Amino acid sequence: MFDPDASPVNALPTVVLVLAILIVVPELIFAAGSAGFGGPSAIAWRQDAIREFAFAGVIVDDMALRGNFDFDRLKRFLTYPFIHITFMQALFSGVFVLALGKFVGEYYRFVAMTVIFFGASIFGAFLYGALLNDPYPLTGAFAGAYGFIGAFTYILAGRIGAQGGNQFQAFQLIGLLMGVQLLFAFIGGDLTWVADLAGFVAGFFLASVLRPGGWAALLDRMRNR
C-alpha cells in the first residue's frame, strides 16, 4: 500500500547522501561567489578549485617516471570527483550517483559502497592519466558513478543468470552510455570517457569481490589456475 508519509530521501543509503552533499556543497559555494559574496576574487572560486583539486593526466607520469608521490598529487585522486567544470556537469553526475547508488545500496553496505565509488574514481583517474596524458583536467563524479553502474551491471547479470536468461542483457545500459559518450568524444574531442569506462570496470570487479563470499571465491579461482 502506498504510504503518503514515506520519504524518498530517507530511503537513500547514507553513503549516497554523503556523496551527494559533497557534490552539492562546492556548487553552493561557487554560486555564492558568482553572486558577489566573498569579494571580487570570489567569482574565480571555481577556477581556483579546479587548479587545486582537479586531476591532471601528467600526475601519473610524475609518479611513474619521477617518483613524485607528494600529497598534492595523491589527494587529487580523491578530490576531483567533487569539483565540476560547470553546474550542469555537477547536476548530471549527482543524478547518476543518486539513482545508481540507491539501487546498489540495496545489496551492499556502507563500506562496500564507499570502496566501489572511490575505487572506481581512483582507477578511472589512473587509467586516464596512464593512457592519455591529456592536459584537460579530469573533474566530476562520473567515474565513481560509473563504478555504481558496474556494480549495478554485476547485480543484474547475476539476477538474469539465476533466471536462466542471457547475462549479456545486463550490459545494455553501459553499452548505450558508452555509445553516447563516444559520439560526443568524436564531435568535441572529450576523452574523459576513458576514465568513465575504467570506473565501470573497477565497479564491476569490486562488486564481485565485495559480495558475501566474493573474496574467497576470487582466491579459489586464482589458486585453481
C-alpha atoms as a PDB file:
ATOM      1  CA  MET A   1       0.000   0.000   0.000  1.00  0.00           C
ATOM      2  CA  PHE A   2       1.226   3.489  -0.819  1.00  0.00           C
ATOM      3  CA  ASP A   3       2.426   5.366   2.253  1.00  0.00           C
ATOM      4  CA  PRO A   4       1.967   9.152   1.807  1.00  0.00           C
ATOM      5  CA  ASP A   5       4.281   9.788   4.750  1.00  0.00           C
ATOM      6  CA  ALA A   6       7.186   7.797   3.295  1.00  0.00           C
ATOM      7  CA  SER A   7      10.242   9.880   2.455  1.00  0.00           C
ATOM      8  CA  PRO A   8      12.199   9.001  -0.710  1.00  0.00           C
ATOM      9  CA  VAL A   9      15.258  10.776   0.749  1.00  0.00           C
ATOM     10  CA  ASN A  10      15.328   8.558   3.827  1.00  0.00           C
ATOM     11  CA  ALA A  11      15.386   5.514   1.543  1.00  0.00           C
ATOM     12  CA  LEU A  12      18.773   6.547   0.154  1.00  0.00           C
ATOM     13  CA  PRO A  13      21.840   4.814   1.598  1.00  0.00           C
ATOM     14  CA  THR A  14      23.897   7.015   3.905  1.00  0.00           C
ATOM     15  CA  VAL A  15      26.984   6.902   1.687  1.00  0.00           C
ATOM     16  CA  VAL A  16      24.932   8.108  -1.297  1.00  0.00           C
ATOM     17  CA  LEU A  17      23.596  11.033   0.716  1.00  0.00           C
ATOM     18  CA  VAL A  18      27.129  11.928   1.823  1.00  0.00           C
ATOM     19  CA  LEU A  19      28.403  11.798  -1.768  1.00  0.00           C
ATOM     20  CA  ALA A  20      25.505  13.958  -2.935  1.00  0.00           C
ATOM     21  CA  ILE A  21      26.291  16.528  -0.234  1.00  0.00           C
ATOM     22  CA  LEU A  22      29.958  16.562  -1.256  1.00  0.00           C
ATOM     23  CA  ILE A  23      28.852  17.280  -4.832  1.00  0.00           C
ATOM     24  CA  VAL A  24      26.319  19.964  -3.883  1.00  0.00           C
ATOM     25  CA  VAL A  25      28.307  21.955  -1.311  1.00  0.00           C
ATOM     26  CA  PRO A  26      31.057  23.156  -3.710  1.00  0.00           C
ATOM     27  CA  GLU A  27      28.360  24.215  -6.186  1.00  0.00           C
ATOM     28  CA  LEU A  28      26.654  26.283  -3.493  1.00  0.00           C
ATOM     29  CA  ILE A  29      29.986  27.931  -2.687  1.00  0.00           C
ATOM     30  CA  PHE A  30      30.671  28.680  -6.357  1.00  0.00           C
ATOM     31  CA  ALA A  31      27.148  30.061  -6.775  1.00  0.00           C
ATOM     32  CA  ALA A  32      27.670  32.341  -3.778  1.00  0.00           C
ATOM     33  CA  GLY A  33      30.932  33.571  -5.267  1.00  0.00           C
ATOM     34  CA  SER A  34      29.295  34.264  -8.619  1.00  0.00           C
ATOM     35  CA  ALA A  35      26.550  36.204  -6.819  1.00  0.00           C
ATOM     36  CA  GLY A  36      29.113  38.578  -5.322  1.00  0.00           C
ATOM     37  CA  PHE A  37      29.688  37.085  -1.905  1.00  0.00           C
ATOM     38  CA  GLY A  38      33.328  36.959  -0.833  1.00  0.00           C
ATOM     39  CA  GLY A  39      34.585  39.959  -2.769  1.00  0.00           C
ATOM     40  CA  PRO A  40      35.757  40.430  -6.367  1.00  0.00           C
ATOM     41  CA  SER A  41      38.029  37.373  -6.303  1.00  0.00           C
ATOM     42  CA  ALA A  42      35.129  35.069  -5.392  1.00  0.00           C
ATOM     43  CA  ILE A  43      33.972  34.890  -8.991  1.00  0.00           C
ATOM     44  CA  ALA A  44      37.068  32.803  -9.731  1.00  0.00           C
ATOM     45  CA  TRP A  45      36.461  30.281  -6.932  1.00  0.00           C
ATOM     46  CA  ARG A  46      35.507  27.501  -9.375  1.00  0.00           C
ATOM     47  CA  GLN A  47      38.673  28.025 -11.440  1.00  0.00           C
ATOM     48  CA  ASP A  48      40.755  28.115  -8.266  1.00  0.00           C
ATOM     49  CA  ALA A  49      39.195  24.865  -7.062  1.00  0.00           C
ATOM     50  CA  ILE A  50      39.862  23.180 -10.405  1.00  0.00           C
ATOM     51  CA  ARG A  51      43.526  24.169 -10.205  1.00  0.00           C
ATOM     52  CA  GLU A  52      43.764  22.958  -6.614  1.00  0.00           C
ATOM     53  CA  PHE A  53      41.694  19.755  -6.644  1.00  0.00           C
ATOM     54  CA  ALA A  54      41.143  18.503 -10.226  1.00  0.00           C
ATOM     55  CA  PHE A  55      43.140  15.599 -11.640  1.00  0.00           C
ATOM     56  CA  ALA A  56      45.647  16.080 -14.456  1.00  0.00           C
ATOM     57  CA  GLY A  57      46.936  13.334 -16.716  1.00  0.00           C
ATOM     58  CA  VAL A  58      50.560  14.341 -16.152  1.00  0.00           C
ATOM     59  CA  ILE A  59      50.271  13.292 -12.499  1.00  0.00           C
ATOM     60  CA  VAL A  60      50.626   9.634 -13.458  1.00  0.00           C
ATOM     61  CA  ASP A  61      53.791  10.427 -15.417  1.00  0.00           C
ATOM     62  CA  ASP A  62      55.172  12.342 -12.433  1.00  0.00           C
ATOM     63  CA  MET A  63      54.615   9.327 -10.217  1.00  0.00           C
ATOM     64  CA  ALA A  64      55.831   6.673 -12.654  1.00  0.00           C
ATOM     65  CA  LEU A  65      58.818   8.454 -14.201  1.00  0.00           C
ATOM     66  CA  ARG A  66      59.918  10.845 -11.470  1.00  0.00           C
ATOM     67  CA  GLY A  67      58.711   9.061  -8.352  1.00  0.00           C
ATOM     68  CA  ASN A  68      56.782  12.155  -7.303  1.00  0.00           C
ATOM     69  CA  PHE A  69      54.205  10.971  -4.775  1.00  0.00           C
ATOM     70  CA  ASP A  70      53.653  14.188  -2.863  1.00  0.00           C
ATOM     71  CA  PHE A  71      50.384  14.898  -1.072  1.00  0.00           C
ATOM     72  CA  ASP A  72      49.198  17.462  -3.622  1.00  0.00           C
ATOM     73  CA  ARG A  73      49.179  14.856  -6.384  1.00  0.00           C
ATOM     74  CA  LEU A  74      47.806  11.965  -4.349  1.00  0.00           C
ATOM     75  CA  LYS A  75      44.918  13.956  -2.891  1.00  0.00           C
ATOM     76  CA  ARG A  76      43.584  14.701  -6.383  1.00  0.00           C
ATOM     77  CA  PHE A  77      42.626  11.043  -6.869  1.00  0.00           C
ATOM     78  CA  LEU A  78      40.052  11.591  -4.095  1.00  0.00           C
ATOM     79  CA  THR A  79      39.094  15.241  -4.568  1.00  0.00           C
ATOM     80  CA  TYR A  80      38.446  15.516  -8.317  1.00  0.00           C
ATOM     81  CA  PRO A  81      35.031  13.749  -8.139  1.00  0.00           C
ATOM     82  CA  PHE A  82      33.621  16.665  -6.141  1.00  0.00           C
ATOM     83  CA  ILE A  83      34.827  19.507  -8.356  1.00  0.00           C
ATOM     84  CA  HIS A  84      32.957  20.144 -11.604  1.00  0.00           C
ATOM     85  CA  ILE A  85      33.651  22.340 -14.609  1.00  0.00           C
ATOM     86  CA  THR A  86      30.037  23.501 -14.785  1.00  0.00           C
ATOM     87  CA  PHE A  87      26.863  23.304 -12.743  1.00  0.00           C
ATOM     88  CA  MET A  88      25.298  21.038 -15.377  1.00  0.00           C
ATOM     89  CA  GLN A  89      28.155  18.564 -15.061  1.00  0.00           C
ATOM     90  CA  ALA A  90      27.593  18.504 -11.297  1.00  0.00           C
ATOM     91  CA  LEU A  91      23.845  18.056 -11.792  1.00  0.00           C
ATOM     92  CA  PHE A  92      24.133  15.105 -14.150  1.00  0.00           C
ATOM     93  CA  SER A  93      26.857  13.328 -12.168  1.00  0.00           C
ATOM     94  CA  GLY A  94      24.833  13.852  -8.982  1.00  0.00           C
ATOM     95  CA  VAL A  95      21.746  12.327 -10.598  1.00  0.00           C
ATOM     96  CA  PHE A  96      23.800   9.301 -11.686  1.00  0.00           C
ATOM     97  CA  VAL A  97      25.217   8.853  -8.179  1.00  0.00           C
ATOM     98  CA  LEU A  98      21.785   9.118  -6.554  1.00  0.00           C
ATOM     99  CA  ALA A  99      19.967   6.844  -8.989  1.00  0.00           C
ATOM    100  CA  LEU A 100      22.541   4.074  -9.294  1.00  0.00           C
ATOM    101  CA  GLY A 101      23.741   4.413  -5.703  1.00  0.00           C
ATOM    102  CA  LYS A 102      20.228   3.878  -4.378  1.00  0.00           C
ATOM    103  CA  PHE A 103      19.898   0.618  -6.299  1.00  0.00           C
ATOM    104  CA  VAL A 104      23.365  -0.691  -5.456  1.00  0.00           C
ATOM    105  CA  GLY A 105      22.856   0.305  -1.804  1.00  0.00           C
ATOM    106  CA  GLU A 106      20.083  -2.267  -1.564  1.00  0.00           C
ATOM    107  CA  TYR A 107      22.703  -5.000  -1.967  1.00  0.00           C
ATOM    108  CA  TYR A 108      25.906  -3.528  -0.480  1.00  0.00           C
ATOM    109  CA  ARG A 109      26.627  -1.804   2.821  1.00  0.00           C
ATOM    110  CA  PHE A 110      28.331   1.495   3.616  1.00  0.00           C
ATOM    111  CA  VAL A 111      31.949   0.305   3.455  1.00  0.00           C
ATOM    112  CA  ALA A 112      31.471  -1.651   0.238  1.00  0.00           C
ATOM    113  CA  MET A 113      29.647   1.265  -1.399  1.00  0.00           C
ATOM    114  CA  THR A 114      32.450   3.633  -0.388  1.00  0.00           C
ATOM    115  CA  VAL A 115      35.101   1.282  -1.769  1.00  0.00           C
ATOM    116  CA  ILE A 116      33.214   0.903  -5.055  1.00  0.00           C
ATOM    117  CA  PHE A 117      32.828   4.657  -5.579  1.00  0.00           C
ATOM    118  CA  PHE A 118      36.357   5.702  -4.642  1.00  0.00           C
ATOM    119  CA  GLY A 119      37.957   2.596  -6.124  1.00  0.00           C
ATOM    120  CA  ALA A 120      36.291   3.393  -9.446  1.00  0.00           C
ATOM    121  CA  SER A 121      37.279   7.067  -9.184  1.00  0.00           C
ATOM    122  CA  ILE A 122      40.911   6.240  -8.440  1.00  0.00           C
ATOM    123  CA  PHE A 123      41.212   3.601 -11.153  1.00  0.00           C
ATOM    124  CA  GLY A 124      39.449   5.864 -13.640  1.00  0.00           C
ATOM    125  CA  ALA A 125      41.851   8.720 -12.961  1.00  0.00           C
ATOM    126  CA  PHE A 126      44.883   6.445 -13.083  1.00  0.00           C
ATOM    127  CA  LEU A 127      43.956   4.920 -16.426  1.00  0.00           C
ATOM    128  CA  TYR A 128      43.006   8.339 -17.807  1.00  0.00           C
ATOM    129  CA  GLY A 129      46.474   9.624 -16.952  1.00  0.00           C
ATOM    130  CA  ALA A 130      48.373   6.486 -17.920  1.00  0.00           C
ATOM    131  CA  LEU A 131      46.812   6.102 -21.364  1.00  0.00           C
ATOM    132  CA  LEU A 132      46.233   9.662 -22.490  1.00  0.00           C
ATOM    133  CA  ASN A 133      48.430  12.148 -20.657  1.00  0.00           C
ATOM    134  CA  ASP A 134      45.702  14.628 -21.589  1.00  0.00           C
ATOM    135  CA  PRO A 135      46.266  18.176 -20.247  1.00  0.00           C
ATOM    136  CA  TYR A 136      42.484  18.649 -19.971  1.00  0.00           C
ATOM    137  CA  PRO A 137      41.606  18.433 -16.248  1.00  0.00           C
ATOM    138  CA  LEU A 138      39.587  15.444 -15.118  1.00  0.00           C
ATOM    139  CA  THR A 139      36.734  16.572 -12.884  1.00  0.00           C
ATOM    140  CA  GLY A 140      33.398  15.293 -11.679  1.00  0.00           C
ATOM    141  CA  ALA A 141      31.851  12.240 -10.080  1.00  0.00           C
ATOM    142  CA  PHE A 142      31.208  10.375 -13.324  1.00  0.00           C
ATOM    143  CA  ALA A 143      33.945   7.749 -12.892  1.00  0.00           C
ATOM    144  CA  GLY A 144      32.604   6.920  -9.420  1.00  0.00           C
ATOM    145  CA  ALA A 145      29.041   6.914 -10.760  1.00  0.00           C
ATOM    146  CA  TYR A 146      30.141   4.526 -13.487  1.00  0.00           C
ATOM    147  CA  GLY A 147      31.545   2.382 -10.699  1.00  0.00           C
ATOM    148  CA  PHE A 148      27.989   2.124  -9.405  1.00  0.00           C
ATOM    149  CA  ILE A 149      26.863   1.272 -12.940  1.00  0.00           C
ATOM    150  CA  GLY A 150      29.443  -1.523 -12.953  1.00  0.00           C
ATOM    151  CA  ALA A 151      28.107  -2.812  -9.628  1.00  0.00           C
ATOM    152  CA  PHE A 152      24.534  -2.492 -10.943  1.00  0.00           C
ATOM    153  CA  THR A 153      25.512  -4.494 -14.036  1.00  0.00           C
ATOM    154  CA  TYR A 154      27.077  -7.203 -11.882  1.00  0.00           C
ATOM    155  CA  ILE A 155      23.923  -7.460  -9.758  1.00  0.00           C
ATOM    156  CA  LEU A 156      21.656  -7.500 -12.799  1.00  0.00           C
ATOM    157  CA  ALA A 157      23.776 -10.112 -14.588  1.00  0.00           C
ATOM    158  CA  GLY A 158      23.577 -12.368 -11.545  1.00  0.00           C
ATOM    159  CA  ARG A 159      19.818 -11.936 -11.345  1.00  0.00           C
ATOM    160  CA  ILE A 160      19.351 -12.670 -15.062  1.00  0.00           C
ATOM    161  CA  GLY A 161      21.660 -15.679 -14.867  1.00  0.00           C
ATOM    162  CA  ALA A 162      19.750 -17.089 -11.910  1.00  0.00           C
ATOM    163  CA  GLN A 163      16.587 -16.921 -14.026  1.00  0.00           C
ATOM    164  CA  GLY A 164      18.281 -18.714 -16.913  1.00  0.00           C
ATOM    165  CA  GLY A 165      18.453 -15.644 -19.141  1.00  0.00           C
ATOM    166  CA  ASN A 166      21.224 -14.167 -21.250  1.00  0.00           C
ATOM    167  CA  GLN A 167      23.544 -12.305 -18.869  1.00  0.00           C
ATOM    168  CA  PHE A 168      24.821 -10.065 -21.656  1.00  0.00           C
ATOM    169  CA  GLN A 169      21.490  -8.233 -21.463  1.00  0.00           C
ATOM    170  CA  ALA A 170      22.802  -6.665 -18.241  1.00  0.00           C
ATOM    171  CA  PHE A 171      25.401  -4.756 -20.276  1.00  0.00           C
ATOM    172  CA  GLN A 172      22.844  -2.865 -22.372  1.00  0.00           C
ATOM    173  CA  LEU A 173      22.977   0.214 -20.119  1.00  0.00           C
ATOM    174  CA  ILE A 174      26.752   0.612 -20.226  1.00  0.00           C
ATOM    175  CA  GLY A 175      26.712  -0.078 -23.978  1.00  0.00           C
ATOM    176  CA  LEU A 176      24.184   2.701 -24.534  1.00  0.00           C
ATOM    177  CA  LEU A 177      26.029   5.183 -22.317  1.00  0.00           C
ATOM    178  CA  MET A 178      29.399   4.441 -23.884  1.00  0.00           C
ATOM    179  CA  GLY A 179      27.917   4.800 -27.342  1.00  0.00           C
ATOM    180  CA  VAL A 180      26.596   8.264 -26.480  1.00  0.00           C
ATOM    181  CA  GLN A 181      29.901   9.298 -24.904  1.00  0.00           C
ATOM    182  CA  LEU A 182      31.927   8.085 -27.870  1.00  0.00           C
ATOM    183  CA  LEU A 183      29.685  10.134 -30.127  1.00  0.00           C
ATOM    184  CA  PHE A 184      30.346  13.251 -28.049  1.00  0.00           C
ATOM    185  CA  ALA A 185      34.054  12.420 -27.992  1.00  0.00           C
ATOM    186  CA  PHE A 186      34.069  12.217 -31.793  1.00  0.00           C
ATOM    187  CA  ILE A 187      32.279  15.567 -32.057  1.00  0.00           C
ATOM    188  CA  GLY A 188      34.042  17.531 -29.328  1.00  0.00           C
ATOM    189  CA  GLY A 189      37.228  15.614 -28.579  1.00  0.00           C
ATOM    190  CA  ASP A 190      36.279  14.878 -24.967  1.00  0.00           C
ATOM    191  CA  LEU A 191      38.322  11.867 -23.843  1.00  0.00           C
ATOM    192  CA  THR A 192      37.102  11.638 -20.253  1.00  0.00           C
ATOM    193  CA  TRP A 193      35.064   8.597 -21.312  1.00  0.00           C
ATOM    194  CA  VAL A 194      38.274   6.622 -20.735  1.00  0.00           C
ATOM    195  CA  ALA A 195      38.026   7.355 -17.002  1.00  0.00           C
ATOM    196  CA  ASP A 196      34.311   6.506 -17.002  1.00  0.00           C
ATOM    197  CA  LEU A 197      34.832   3.157 -18.735  1.00  0.00           C
ATOM    198  CA  ALA A 198      37.668   2.344 -16.331  1.00  0.00           C
ATOM    199  CA  GLY A 199      35.350   3.248 -13.450  1.00  0.00           C
ATOM    200  CA  PHE A 200      32.747   0.838 -14.793  1.00  0.00           C
ATOM    201  CA  VAL A 201      35.294  -1.995 -14.983  1.00  0.00           C
ATOM    202  CA  ALA A 202      36.508  -1.269 -11.455  1.00  0.00           C
ATOM    203  CA  GLY A 203      32.952  -1.134 -10.119  1.00  0.00           C
ATOM    204  CA  PHE A 204      32.045  -4.447 -11.743  1.00  0.00           C
ATOM    205  CA  PHE A 205      35.159  -6.135 -10.349  1.00  0.00           C
ATOM    206  CA  LEU A 206      34.792  -4.662  -6.865  1.00  0.00           C
ATOM    207  CA  ALA A 207      31.126  -5.657  -6.718  1.00  0.00           C
ATOM    208  CA  SER A 208      32.115  -9.259  -7.443  1.00  0.00           C
ATOM    209  CA  VAL A 209      34.804  -9.214  -4.745  1.00  0.00           C
ATOM    210  CA  LEU A 210      32.822  -7.360  -2.071  1.00  0.00           C
ATOM    211  CA  ARG A 211      29.727  -9.535  -2.215  1.00  0.00           C
ATOM    212  CA  PRO A 212      29.433 -12.131   0.581  1.00  0.00           C
ATOM    213  CA  GLY A 213      31.958 -14.847  -0.194  1.00  0.00           C
ATOM    214  CA  GLY A 214      33.311 -12.920  -3.175  1.00  0.00           C
ATOM    215  CA  TRP A 215      36.888 -12.591  -1.926  1.00  0.00           C
ATOM    216  CA  ALA A 216      37.101 -16.291  -1.073  1.00  0.00           C
ATOM    217  CA  ALA A 217      35.724 -17.205  -4.479  1.00  0.00           C
ATOM    218  CA  LEU A 218      38.325 -15.000  -6.175  1.00  0.00           C
ATOM    219  CA  LEU A 219      41.159 -16.632  -4.220  1.00  0.00           C
ATOM    220  CA  ASP A 220      39.847 -20.093  -5.118  1.00  0.00           C
ATOM    221  CA  ARG A 221      39.786 -19.201  -8.826  1.00  0.00           C
ATOM    222  CA  MET A 222      43.352 -17.862  -8.615  1.00  0.00           C
ATOM    223  CA  ARG A 223      44.604 -20.999  -6.845  1.00  0.00           C
ATOM    224  CA  ASN A 224      42.953 -23.296  -9.382  1.00  0.00           C
ATOM    225  CA  ARG A 225      44.649 -21.657 -12.354  1.00  0.00           C
END
